[in-house]
Amino acid sequence: MKALKVSYYGGTRLWWLIILIGVLLVLGGFAYWMWPVAGYAVASQIFGWMVIVAGIVALCVAAGPDHARQWGWWLAGGVIDLFVGFMLVRSVLLSELVFPWFLALLFVYWGIEAFVSAAYGRSRSYWWLGIINGVLLCVIGFFFVEAGWFSNMEMVSFLSAIAFIYWGFTLCISGYAMRPPVADKH
């Protein structure tokens, strides 16, 4: 009997791109954690460019010939990623002012997406991990709101490193789950 692999996102041949972006985000997060002196402006610019790349990958996944199920989430996420990324790289002053707010928007969106994914896959075992992921993403988003409200750059720097790392691991896990099933050679 064949094992049936059911996933919220479905399978795609571009799964390795998603893992690559995840690995880059994890490396960027650890680099920012290790060298916070690099500055708040540099972090917002680097994050802006990484968000642009992640948005392009999401649009490729949504628009590809073998696009994943629920491709609308990938399309919406890619458009939001591109908008946020271009706003961050457009102006250093603007990116410094709105960096925590944009990050809050992104993480709350990803948290809501995780809740919907968990509700969609309730028939799977471990569906509740999506709920935990959604709660963690929303909590990170609300911490960014607090950091932006108080203009606490140290808190934003710490949260940025955590966000890079967490987002990267989440993308790696999602990309691995999106691998197309291997056909039997019998």
N, C-alpha and C. Protein backbone atom coordinates (compact mmCIF):
# COMPACT_ATOMS: atom_id res chain seq x y z
N MET A 1 0.84 -1.18 0.00
CA MET A 1 0.00 0.00 0.00
C MET A 1 0.88 1.24 0.00
N LYS A 2 0.58 2.19 -0.87
CA LYS A 2 1.37 3.41 -0.96
C LYS A 2 1.03 4.36 0.18
N ALA A 3 2.03 5.04 0.64
CA ALA A 3 1.80 6.05 1.67
C ALA A 3 1.26 7.30 0.99
N LEU A 4 0.20 7.84 1.52
CA LEU A 4 -0.41 9.03 0.96
C LEU A 4 0.13 10.24 1.71
N LYS A 5 0.78 11.13 1.00
CA LYS A 5 1.34 12.32 1.61
C LYS A 5 0.42 13.49 1.29
N VAL A 6 -0.29 13.96 2.29
CA VAL A 6 -1.20 15.08 2.10
C VAL A 6 -0.58 16.30 2.76
N SER A 7 -0.50 17.38 2.03
CA SER A 7 0.09 18.60 2.55
C SER A 7 -0.79 19.77 2.17
N TYR A 8 -0.83 20.76 3.01
CA TYR A 8 -1.62 21.96 2.75
C TYR A 8 -1.16 22.67 1.48
N TYR A 9 0.14 22.74 1.29
CA TYR A 9 0.69 23.47 0.15
C TYR A 9 0.82 22.62 -1.11
N GLY A 10 0.74 21.32 -0.98
CA GLY A 10 0.92 20.47 -2.14
C GLY A 10 2.39 20.28 -2.44
N GLY A 11 2.69 19.77 -3.62
CA GLY A 11 4.07 19.53 -4.00
C GLY A 11 4.47 20.41 -5.17
N THR A 12 5.74 20.70 -5.27
CA THR A 12 6.26 21.50 -6.37
C THR A 12 7.71 21.11 -6.63
N ARG A 13 8.14 21.30 -7.87
CA ARG A 13 9.54 21.02 -8.20
C ARG A 13 10.45 22.11 -7.69
N LEU A 14 9.91 23.25 -7.25
CA LEU A 14 10.72 24.36 -6.75
C LEU A 14 10.92 24.30 -5.24
N TRP A 15 10.70 23.14 -4.65
CA TRP A 15 10.83 23.00 -3.20
C TRP A 15 12.23 23.36 -2.72
N TRP A 16 13.23 23.08 -3.52
CA TRP A 16 14.61 23.34 -3.13
C TRP A 16 14.89 24.84 -3.05
N LEU A 17 14.19 25.66 -3.85
CA LEU A 17 14.36 27.12 -3.76
C LEU A 17 13.86 27.63 -2.42
N ILE A 18 12.77 27.07 -1.95
CA ILE A 18 12.21 27.49 -0.67
C ILE A 18 13.17 27.13 0.45
N ILE A 19 13.77 25.94 0.37
CA ILE A 19 14.75 25.55 1.38
C ILE A 19 15.98 26.44 1.31
N LEU A 20 16.43 26.79 0.10
CA LEU A 20 17.58 27.67 -0.06
C LEU A 20 17.33 29.04 0.59
N ILE A 21 16.16 29.61 0.36
CA ILE A 21 15.82 30.90 0.98
C ILE A 21 15.79 30.74 2.50
N GLY A 22 15.26 29.62 2.99
CA GLY A 22 15.24 29.37 4.43
C GLY A 22 16.63 29.30 5.02
N VAL A 23 17.53 28.62 4.35
CA VAL A 23 18.91 28.51 4.84
C VAL A 23 19.58 29.89 4.85
N LEU A 24 19.36 30.68 3.80
CA LEU A 24 19.93 32.04 3.76
C LEU A 24 19.39 32.90 4.90
N LEU A 25 18.10 32.76 5.19
CA LEU A 25 17.53 33.53 6.29
C LEU A 25 18.10 33.10 7.64
N VAL A 26 18.29 31.80 7.84
CA VAL A 26 18.88 31.33 9.10
C VAL A 26 20.31 31.86 9.24
N LEU A 27 21.09 31.77 8.18
CA LEU A 27 22.46 32.29 8.22
C LEU A 27 22.48 33.79 8.48
N GLY A 28 21.57 34.51 7.82
CA GLY A 28 21.47 35.96 8.05
C GLY A 28 21.09 36.28 9.48
N GLY A 29 20.19 35.50 10.06
CA GLY A 29 19.80 35.71 11.46
C GLY A 29 20.95 35.49 12.42
N PHE A 30 21.70 34.41 12.21
CA PHE A 30 22.84 34.17 13.10
C PHE A 30 23.93 35.22 12.89
N ALA A 31 24.13 35.68 11.66
CA ALA A 31 25.12 36.73 11.41
C ALA A 31 24.72 38.02 12.12
N TYR A 32 23.44 38.36 12.06
CA TYR A 32 22.99 39.58 12.72
C TYR A 32 23.07 39.44 14.24
N TRP A 33 22.83 38.24 14.75
CA TRP A 33 22.93 38.00 16.17
C TRP A 33 24.38 38.16 16.63
N MET A 34 25.32 37.67 15.81
CA MET A 34 26.73 37.70 16.19
C MET A 34 27.36 39.09 16.03
N TRP A 35 26.90 39.87 15.04
CA TRP A 35 27.47 41.18 14.76
C TRP A 35 26.38 42.25 14.76
N PRO A 36 25.83 42.57 15.92
CA PRO A 36 24.77 43.58 15.94
C PRO A 36 25.27 44.99 15.66
N VAL A 37 26.60 45.19 15.72
CA VAL A 37 27.17 46.50 15.46
C VAL A 37 26.98 46.89 14.00
N ALA A 38 26.66 45.93 13.15
CA ALA A 38 26.47 46.22 11.73
C ALA A 38 25.44 47.31 11.53
N GLY A 39 24.57 47.49 12.48
CA GLY A 39 23.68 48.64 12.45
C GLY A 39 22.25 48.31 12.06
N TYR A 40 21.41 49.13 12.59
CA TYR A 40 19.97 49.01 12.36
C TYR A 40 19.61 49.25 10.90
N ALA A 41 20.23 50.23 10.26
CA ALA A 41 19.94 50.53 8.85
C ALA A 41 20.36 49.39 7.95
N VAL A 42 21.52 48.80 8.22
CA VAL A 42 21.99 47.68 7.40
C VAL A 42 21.05 46.50 7.53
N ALA A 43 20.58 46.24 8.75
CA ALA A 43 19.66 45.11 8.96
C ALA A 43 18.37 45.31 8.20
N SER A 44 17.84 46.51 8.22
CA SER A 44 16.58 46.75 7.49
C SER A 44 16.78 46.61 5.99
N GLN A 45 17.93 47.04 5.47
CA GLN A 45 18.21 46.90 4.05
C GLN A 45 18.41 45.44 3.66
N ILE A 46 19.18 44.70 4.45
CA ILE A 46 19.39 43.28 4.16
C ILE A 46 18.06 42.53 4.23
N PHE A 47 17.28 42.82 5.26
CA PHE A 47 15.98 42.16 5.40
C PHE A 47 15.09 42.52 4.22
N GLY A 48 15.14 43.78 3.77
CA GLY A 48 14.35 44.20 2.61
C GLY A 48 14.70 43.39 1.37
N TRP A 49 15.99 43.21 1.10
CA TRP A 49 16.40 42.44 -0.08
C TRP A 49 16.03 40.96 0.07
N MET A 50 16.15 40.42 1.27
CA MET A 50 15.76 39.01 1.47
C MET A 50 14.25 38.83 1.31
N VAL A 51 13.49 39.81 1.75
CA VAL A 51 12.04 39.74 1.58
C VAL A 51 11.68 39.82 0.10
N ILE A 52 12.40 40.63 -0.68
CA ILE A 52 12.16 40.70 -2.13
C ILE A 52 12.43 39.35 -2.77
N VAL A 53 13.54 38.73 -2.42
CA VAL A 53 13.87 37.41 -2.98
C VAL A 53 12.82 36.39 -2.57
N ALA A 54 12.41 36.43 -1.30
CA ALA A 54 11.38 35.49 -0.84
C ALA A 54 10.06 35.73 -1.57
N GLY A 55 9.73 36.98 -1.86
CA GLY A 55 8.52 37.30 -2.61
C GLY A 55 8.58 36.77 -4.03
N ILE A 56 9.72 36.89 -4.67
CA ILE A 56 9.88 36.37 -6.03
C ILE A 56 9.73 34.85 -6.04
N VAL A 57 10.33 34.19 -5.04
CA VAL A 57 10.20 32.73 -4.96
C VAL A 57 8.74 32.35 -4.74
N ALA A 58 8.04 33.06 -3.86
CA ALA A 58 6.63 32.76 -3.61
C ALA A 58 5.79 32.95 -4.88
N LEU A 59 6.07 34.00 -5.64
CA LEU A 59 5.34 34.21 -6.90
C LEU A 59 5.66 33.11 -7.91
N CYS A 60 6.92 32.66 -7.95
CA CYS A 60 7.28 31.56 -8.86
C CYS A 60 6.56 30.28 -8.48
N VAL A 61 6.46 30.01 -7.17
CA VAL A 61 5.76 28.81 -6.73
C VAL A 61 4.28 28.91 -7.09
N ALA A 62 3.68 30.10 -6.92
CA ALA A 62 2.25 30.28 -7.20
C ALA A 62 1.94 30.25 -8.69
N ALA A 63 2.86 30.75 -9.50
CA ALA A 63 2.57 30.90 -10.93
C ALA A 63 3.18 29.79 -11.79
N GLY A 64 3.92 28.89 -11.20
CA GLY A 64 4.56 27.83 -11.98
C GLY A 64 3.55 26.88 -12.58
N PRO A 65 3.97 26.11 -13.57
CA PRO A 65 3.05 25.18 -14.21
C PRO A 65 2.56 24.08 -13.27
N ASP A 66 3.34 23.78 -12.26
CA ASP A 66 2.92 22.77 -11.28
C ASP A 66 2.69 23.44 -9.93
N HIS A 67 1.96 24.59 -9.98
CA HIS A 67 1.77 25.36 -8.75
C HIS A 67 1.10 24.52 -7.68
N ALA A 68 1.43 24.87 -6.45
CA ALA A 68 0.95 24.12 -5.30
C ALA A 68 -0.52 24.41 -5.05
N ARG A 69 -1.17 23.47 -4.35
CA ARG A 69 -2.53 23.76 -3.90
C ARG A 69 -2.49 24.97 -3.01
N GLN A 70 -3.59 25.66 -2.91
CA GLN A 70 -3.68 26.89 -2.12
C GLN A 70 -2.67 27.92 -2.62
N TRP A 71 -2.51 27.97 -3.93
CA TRP A 71 -1.54 28.88 -4.53
C TRP A 71 -1.89 30.33 -4.27
N GLY A 72 -3.12 30.62 -3.93
CA GLY A 72 -3.52 31.99 -3.63
C GLY A 72 -2.79 32.56 -2.43
N TRP A 73 -2.53 31.71 -1.44
CA TRP A 73 -1.75 32.16 -0.28
C TRP A 73 -0.34 32.52 -0.69
N TRP A 74 0.24 31.71 -1.57
CA TRP A 74 1.60 32.01 -2.06
C TRP A 74 1.60 33.29 -2.87
N LEU A 75 0.57 33.49 -3.69
CA LEU A 75 0.48 34.71 -4.50
C LEU A 75 0.34 35.94 -3.61
N ALA A 76 -0.59 35.88 -2.65
CA ALA A 76 -0.79 37.02 -1.74
C ALA A 76 0.47 37.28 -0.91
N GLY A 77 1.07 36.23 -0.40
CA GLY A 77 2.29 36.39 0.39
C GLY A 77 3.43 36.97 -0.44
N GLY A 78 3.55 36.52 -1.70
CA GLY A 78 4.60 37.05 -2.57
C GLY A 78 4.41 38.52 -2.88
N VAL A 79 3.18 38.94 -3.12
CA VAL A 79 2.89 40.35 -3.39
C VAL A 79 3.20 41.19 -2.16
N ILE A 80 2.77 40.71 -0.98
CA ILE A 80 3.05 41.45 0.25
C ILE A 80 4.56 41.51 0.50
N ASP A 81 5.25 40.39 0.30
CA ASP A 81 6.71 40.38 0.48
C ASP A 81 7.39 41.37 -0.45
N LEU A 82 6.98 41.40 -1.72
CA LEU A 82 7.59 42.34 -2.67
C LEU A 82 7.31 43.78 -2.27
N PHE A 83 6.08 44.08 -1.87
CA PHE A 83 5.74 45.45 -1.47
C PHE A 83 6.59 45.88 -0.27
N VAL A 84 6.63 45.04 0.75
CA VAL A 84 7.38 45.37 1.95
C VAL A 84 8.88 45.48 1.62
N GLY A 85 9.40 44.55 0.85
CA GLY A 85 10.82 44.58 0.50
C GLY A 85 11.21 45.83 -0.27
N PHE A 86 10.42 46.20 -1.27
CA PHE A 86 10.75 47.40 -2.05
C PHE A 86 10.61 48.67 -1.21
N MET A 87 9.67 48.69 -0.28
CA MET A 87 9.57 49.85 0.59
C MET A 87 10.79 49.95 1.51
N LEU A 88 11.30 48.83 1.96
CA LEU A 88 12.45 48.86 2.86
C LEU A 88 13.74 49.26 2.14
N VAL A 89 13.93 48.82 0.90
CA VAL A 89 15.18 49.15 0.20
C VAL A 89 15.12 50.52 -0.49
N ARG A 90 13.96 51.09 -0.57
CA ARG A 90 13.78 52.37 -1.26
C ARG A 90 14.52 53.50 -0.55
N SER A 91 14.42 53.55 0.75
CA SER A 91 15.01 54.64 1.51
C SER A 91 15.48 54.12 2.86
N VAL A 92 16.71 54.46 3.23
CA VAL A 92 17.25 54.01 4.51
C VAL A 92 16.47 54.67 5.65
N LEU A 93 16.17 55.95 5.54
CA LEU A 93 15.43 56.64 6.58
C LEU A 93 14.04 56.04 6.75
N LEU A 94 13.37 55.81 5.62
CA LEU A 94 12.04 55.20 5.68
C LEU A 94 12.11 53.80 6.27
N SER A 95 13.12 53.04 5.87
CA SER A 95 13.23 51.67 6.38
C SER A 95 13.50 51.67 7.87
N GLU A 96 14.27 52.62 8.38
CA GLU A 96 14.51 52.69 9.81
C GLU A 96 13.25 53.04 10.57
N LEU A 97 12.42 53.90 10.00
CA LEU A 97 11.20 54.33 10.68
C LEU A 97 10.13 53.24 10.71
N VAL A 98 9.99 52.53 9.61
CA VAL A 98 8.86 51.60 9.49
C VAL A 98 9.26 50.14 9.61
N PHE A 99 10.53 49.87 9.80
CA PHE A 99 11.01 48.50 9.87
C PHE A 99 10.22 47.63 10.84
N PRO A 100 10.02 48.05 12.10
CA PRO A 100 9.27 47.18 13.01
C PRO A 100 7.81 47.00 12.61
N TRP A 101 7.20 48.02 12.03
CA TRP A 101 5.79 47.93 11.64
C TRP A 101 5.60 46.97 10.49
N PHE A 102 6.49 47.03 9.49
CA PHE A 102 6.40 46.10 8.37
C PHE A 102 6.63 44.66 8.83
N LEU A 103 7.58 44.48 9.71
CA LEU A 103 7.83 43.14 10.21
C LEU A 103 6.63 42.63 11.01
N ALA A 104 6.00 43.51 11.77
CA ALA A 104 4.80 43.12 12.51
C ALA A 104 3.71 42.67 11.54
N LEU A 105 3.51 43.41 10.46
CA LEU A 105 2.51 43.05 9.45
C LEU A 105 2.82 41.68 8.85
N LEU A 106 4.07 41.45 8.48
CA LEU A 106 4.44 40.17 7.88
C LEU A 106 4.21 39.01 8.84
N PHE A 107 4.63 39.14 10.08
CA PHE A 107 4.53 38.01 10.99
C PHE A 107 3.08 37.73 11.41
N VAL A 108 2.27 38.76 11.56
CA VAL A 108 0.86 38.52 11.86
C VAL A 108 0.18 37.83 10.67
N TYR A 109 0.51 38.26 9.44
CA TYR A 109 -0.03 37.61 8.24
C TYR A 109 0.37 36.13 8.21
N TRP A 110 1.65 35.84 8.47
CA TRP A 110 2.11 34.45 8.45
C TRP A 110 1.46 33.65 9.57
N GLY A 111 1.19 34.29 10.71
CA GLY A 111 0.50 33.61 11.80
C GLY A 111 -0.92 33.22 11.41
N ILE A 112 -1.62 34.15 10.77
CA ILE A 112 -2.99 33.85 10.31
C ILE A 112 -2.95 32.74 9.26
N GLU A 113 -1.98 32.80 8.37
CA GLU A 113 -1.82 31.75 7.36
C GLU A 113 -1.58 30.39 8.02
N ALA A 114 -0.80 30.36 9.08
CA ALA A 114 -0.54 29.10 9.79
C ALA A 114 -1.81 28.58 10.45
N PHE A 115 -2.64 29.48 10.99
CA PHE A 115 -3.92 29.05 11.58
C PHE A 115 -4.82 28.43 10.52
N VAL A 116 -4.90 29.06 9.36
CA VAL A 116 -5.74 28.54 8.27
C VAL A 116 -5.20 27.19 7.80
N SER A 117 -3.89 27.08 7.70
CA SER A 117 -3.27 25.82 7.29
C SER A 117 -3.59 24.71 8.28
N ALA A 118 -3.53 25.02 9.56
CA ALA A 118 -3.83 24.01 10.58
C ALA A 118 -5.30 23.61 10.53
N ALA A 119 -6.18 24.57 10.33
CA ALA A 119 -7.61 24.24 10.24
C ALA A 119 -7.90 23.41 9.00
N TYR A 120 -7.22 23.70 7.91
CA TYR A 120 -7.40 22.96 6.66
C TYR A 120 -6.93 21.51 6.80
N GLY A 121 -5.88 21.30 7.57
CA GLY A 121 -5.31 19.96 7.69
C GLY A 121 -5.64 19.26 8.99
N ARG A 122 -6.81 19.50 9.54
CA ARG A 122 -7.18 18.88 10.82
C ARG A 122 -7.23 17.36 10.76
N SER A 123 -7.37 16.81 9.59
CA SER A 123 -7.41 15.35 9.48
C SER A 123 -6.03 14.72 9.64
N ARG A 124 -4.98 15.50 9.49
CA ARG A 124 -3.61 15.00 9.65
C ARG A 124 -3.26 14.89 11.13
N SER A 125 -2.37 13.96 11.42
CA SER A 125 -1.82 13.96 12.77
C SER A 125 -0.84 15.13 12.84
N TYR A 126 -0.67 15.67 13.97
CA TYR A 126 0.22 16.82 14.21
C TYR A 126 -0.30 18.12 13.57
N TRP A 127 -1.58 18.22 13.28
CA TRP A 127 -2.13 19.46 12.72
C TRP A 127 -2.00 20.60 13.73
N TRP A 128 -1.96 20.26 15.00
CA TRP A 128 -1.90 21.25 16.06
C TRP A 128 -0.57 22.01 16.06
N LEU A 129 0.46 21.46 15.40
CA LEU A 129 1.72 22.19 15.28
C LEU A 129 1.54 23.48 14.48
N GLY A 130 0.59 23.46 13.53
CA GLY A 130 0.27 24.68 12.79
C GLY A 130 -0.30 25.76 13.69
N ILE A 131 -1.10 25.35 14.67
CA ILE A 131 -1.65 26.31 15.64
C ILE A 131 -0.52 26.92 16.47
N ILE A 132 0.40 26.06 16.92
CA ILE A 132 1.54 26.56 17.71
C ILE A 132 2.39 27.51 16.87
N ASN A 133 2.63 27.14 15.61
CA ASN A 133 3.39 28.00 14.70
C ASN A 133 2.67 29.34 14.53
N GLY A 134 1.36 29.32 14.34
CA GLY A 134 0.59 30.55 14.18
C GLY A 134 0.66 31.44 15.41
N VAL A 135 0.57 30.82 16.59
CA VAL A 135 0.66 31.60 17.83
C VAL A 135 2.04 32.24 17.95
N LEU A 136 3.10 31.46 17.68
CA LEU A 136 4.47 32.01 17.77
C LEU A 136 4.68 33.15 16.77
N LEU A 137 4.19 32.98 15.55
CA LEU A 137 4.36 34.03 14.55
C LEU A 137 3.60 35.30 14.95
N CYS A 138 2.38 35.15 15.46
CA CYS A 138 1.61 36.32 15.90
C CYS A 138 2.27 37.00 17.10
N VAL A 139 2.82 36.21 18.03
CA VAL A 139 3.51 36.79 19.18
C VAL A 139 4.73 37.59 18.72
N ILE A 140 5.50 37.04 17.80
CA ILE A 140 6.65 37.78 17.26
C ILE A 140 6.16 39.08 16.61
N GLY A 141 5.06 39.00 15.84
CA GLY A 141 4.50 40.20 15.23
C GLY A 141 4.09 41.24 16.25
N PHE A 142 3.46 40.82 17.34
CA PHE A 142 3.05 41.77 18.37
C PHE A 142 4.25 42.34 19.12
N PHE A 143 5.32 41.56 19.28
CA PHE A 143 6.54 42.11 19.87
C PHE A 143 7.14 43.20 18.99
N PHE A 144 7.06 43.01 17.67
CA PHE A 144 7.54 44.06 16.77
C PHE A 144 6.69 45.32 16.89
N VAL A 145 5.39 45.16 17.10
CA VAL A 145 4.53 46.33 17.31
C VAL A 145 4.98 47.07 18.56
N GLU A 146 5.22 46.35 19.64
CA GLU A 146 5.68 46.98 20.88
C GLU A 146 7.03 47.66 20.69
N ALA A 147 7.94 47.00 19.99
CA ALA A 147 9.27 47.58 19.76
C ALA A 147 9.16 48.84 18.91
N GLY A 148 8.27 48.82 17.92
CA GLY A 148 8.08 49.99 17.07
C GLY A 148 7.42 51.14 17.81
N TRP A 149 6.50 50.79 18.70
CA TRP A 149 5.78 51.82 19.46
C TRP A 149 6.74 52.59 20.37
N PHE A 150 7.66 51.87 20.99
CA PHE A 150 8.61 52.49 21.90
C PHE A 150 9.90 52.88 21.20
N SER A 151 10.02 52.61 19.90
CA SER A 151 11.23 52.89 19.12
C SER A 151 12.47 52.33 19.80
N ASN A 152 12.38 51.11 20.24
CA ASN A 152 13.46 50.44 20.92
C ASN A 152 14.29 49.67 19.89
N MET A 153 15.38 50.26 19.43
CA MET A 153 16.17 49.65 18.37
C MET A 153 16.88 48.38 18.84
N GLU A 154 17.23 48.31 20.13
CA GLU A 154 17.86 47.08 20.64
C GLU A 154 16.89 45.91 20.58
N MET A 155 15.64 46.18 20.96
CA MET A 155 14.64 45.11 20.91
C MET A 155 14.37 44.71 19.46
N VAL A 156 14.30 45.69 18.56
CA VAL A 156 14.07 45.38 17.15
C VAL A 156 15.24 44.58 16.60
N SER A 157 16.47 44.91 17.00
CA SER A 157 17.63 44.16 16.53
C SER A 157 17.58 42.71 17.01
N PHE A 158 17.26 42.51 18.29
CA PHE A 158 17.15 41.16 18.82
C PHE A 158 16.02 40.40 18.14
N LEU A 159 14.86 41.02 18.00
CA LEU A 159 13.73 40.37 17.34
C LEU A 159 14.01 40.08 15.87
N SER A 160 14.77 40.96 15.23
CA SER A 160 15.12 40.74 13.82
C SER A 160 15.94 39.47 13.66
N ALA A 161 16.91 39.28 14.54
CA ALA A 161 17.73 38.06 14.48
C ALA A 161 16.86 36.84 14.73
N ILE A 162 16.00 36.90 15.73
CA ILE A 162 15.09 35.78 16.02
C ILE A 162 14.16 35.54 14.83
N ALA A 163 13.66 36.63 14.23
CA ALA A 163 12.74 36.51 13.11
C ALA A 163 13.41 35.86 11.90
N PHE A 164 14.64 36.28 11.59
CA PHE A 164 15.38 35.65 10.50
C PHE A 164 15.49 34.15 10.72
N ILE A 165 15.92 33.77 11.92
CA ILE A 165 16.16 32.36 12.21
C ILE A 165 14.85 31.57 12.18
N TYR A 166 13.82 32.08 12.83
CA TYR A 166 12.55 31.36 12.89
C TYR A 166 11.91 31.25 11.50
N TRP A 167 11.92 32.34 10.76
CA TRP A 167 11.35 32.33 9.42
C TRP A 167 12.12 31.36 8.53
N GLY A 168 13.44 31.35 8.64
CA GLY A 168 14.25 30.44 7.84
C GLY A 168 13.94 28.98 8.13
N PHE A 169 13.85 28.62 9.41
CA PHE A 169 13.51 27.23 9.75
C PHE A 169 12.11 26.88 9.26
N THR A 170 11.16 27.81 9.39
CA THR A 170 9.80 27.55 8.92
C THR A 170 9.79 27.31 7.41
N LEU A 171 10.54 28.11 6.65
CA LEU A 171 10.60 27.90 5.21
C LEU A 171 11.28 26.59 4.85
N CYS A 172 12.32 26.22 5.58
CA CYS A 172 12.99 24.95 5.30
C CYS A 172 12.04 23.77 5.52
N ILE A 173 11.29 23.81 6.60
CA ILE A 173 10.34 22.73 6.88
C ILE A 173 9.24 22.70 5.83
N SER A 174 8.73 23.87 5.45
CA SER A 174 7.68 23.93 4.42
C SER A 174 8.20 23.45 3.08
N GLY A 175 9.40 23.85 2.72
CA GLY A 175 9.98 23.42 1.45
C GLY A 175 10.19 21.92 1.40
N TYR A 176 10.65 21.36 2.51
CA TYR A 176 10.85 19.91 2.56
C TYR A 176 9.52 19.18 2.42
N ALA A 177 8.47 19.73 3.03
CA ALA A 177 7.14 19.11 2.94
C ALA A 177 6.54 19.23 1.55
N MET A 178 7.03 20.16 0.73
CA MET A 178 6.49 20.38 -0.61
C MET A 178 7.15 19.54 -1.68
N ARG A 179 8.12 18.71 -1.30
CA ARG A 179 8.75 17.85 -2.30
C ARG A 179 7.69 16.99 -2.96
N PRO A 180 7.71 16.87 -4.28
CA PRO A 180 6.75 15.99 -4.93
C PRO A 180 7.03 14.54 -4.56
N PRO A 181 5.98 13.74 -4.49
CA PRO A 181 6.20 12.34 -4.13
C PRO A 181 7.01 11.63 -5.21
N VAL A 182 7.85 10.72 -4.78
CA VAL A 182 8.68 9.94 -5.70
C VAL A 182 7.82 8.82 -6.27
N ALA A 183 7.82 8.70 -7.59
CA ALA A 183 7.01 7.66 -8.26
C ALA A 183 7.63 6.29 -8.04
N ASP A 184 6.79 5.30 -7.87
CA ASP A 184 7.27 3.92 -7.74
C ASP A 184 7.80 3.44 -9.08
N LYS A 185 8.87 2.65 -9.06
CA LYS A 185 9.49 2.16 -10.29
C LYS A 185 9.11 0.71 -10.56
N HIS A 186 8.00 0.27 -10.06
CA HIS A 186 7.58 -1.13 -10.26
C HIS A 186 6.84 -1.27 -11.55
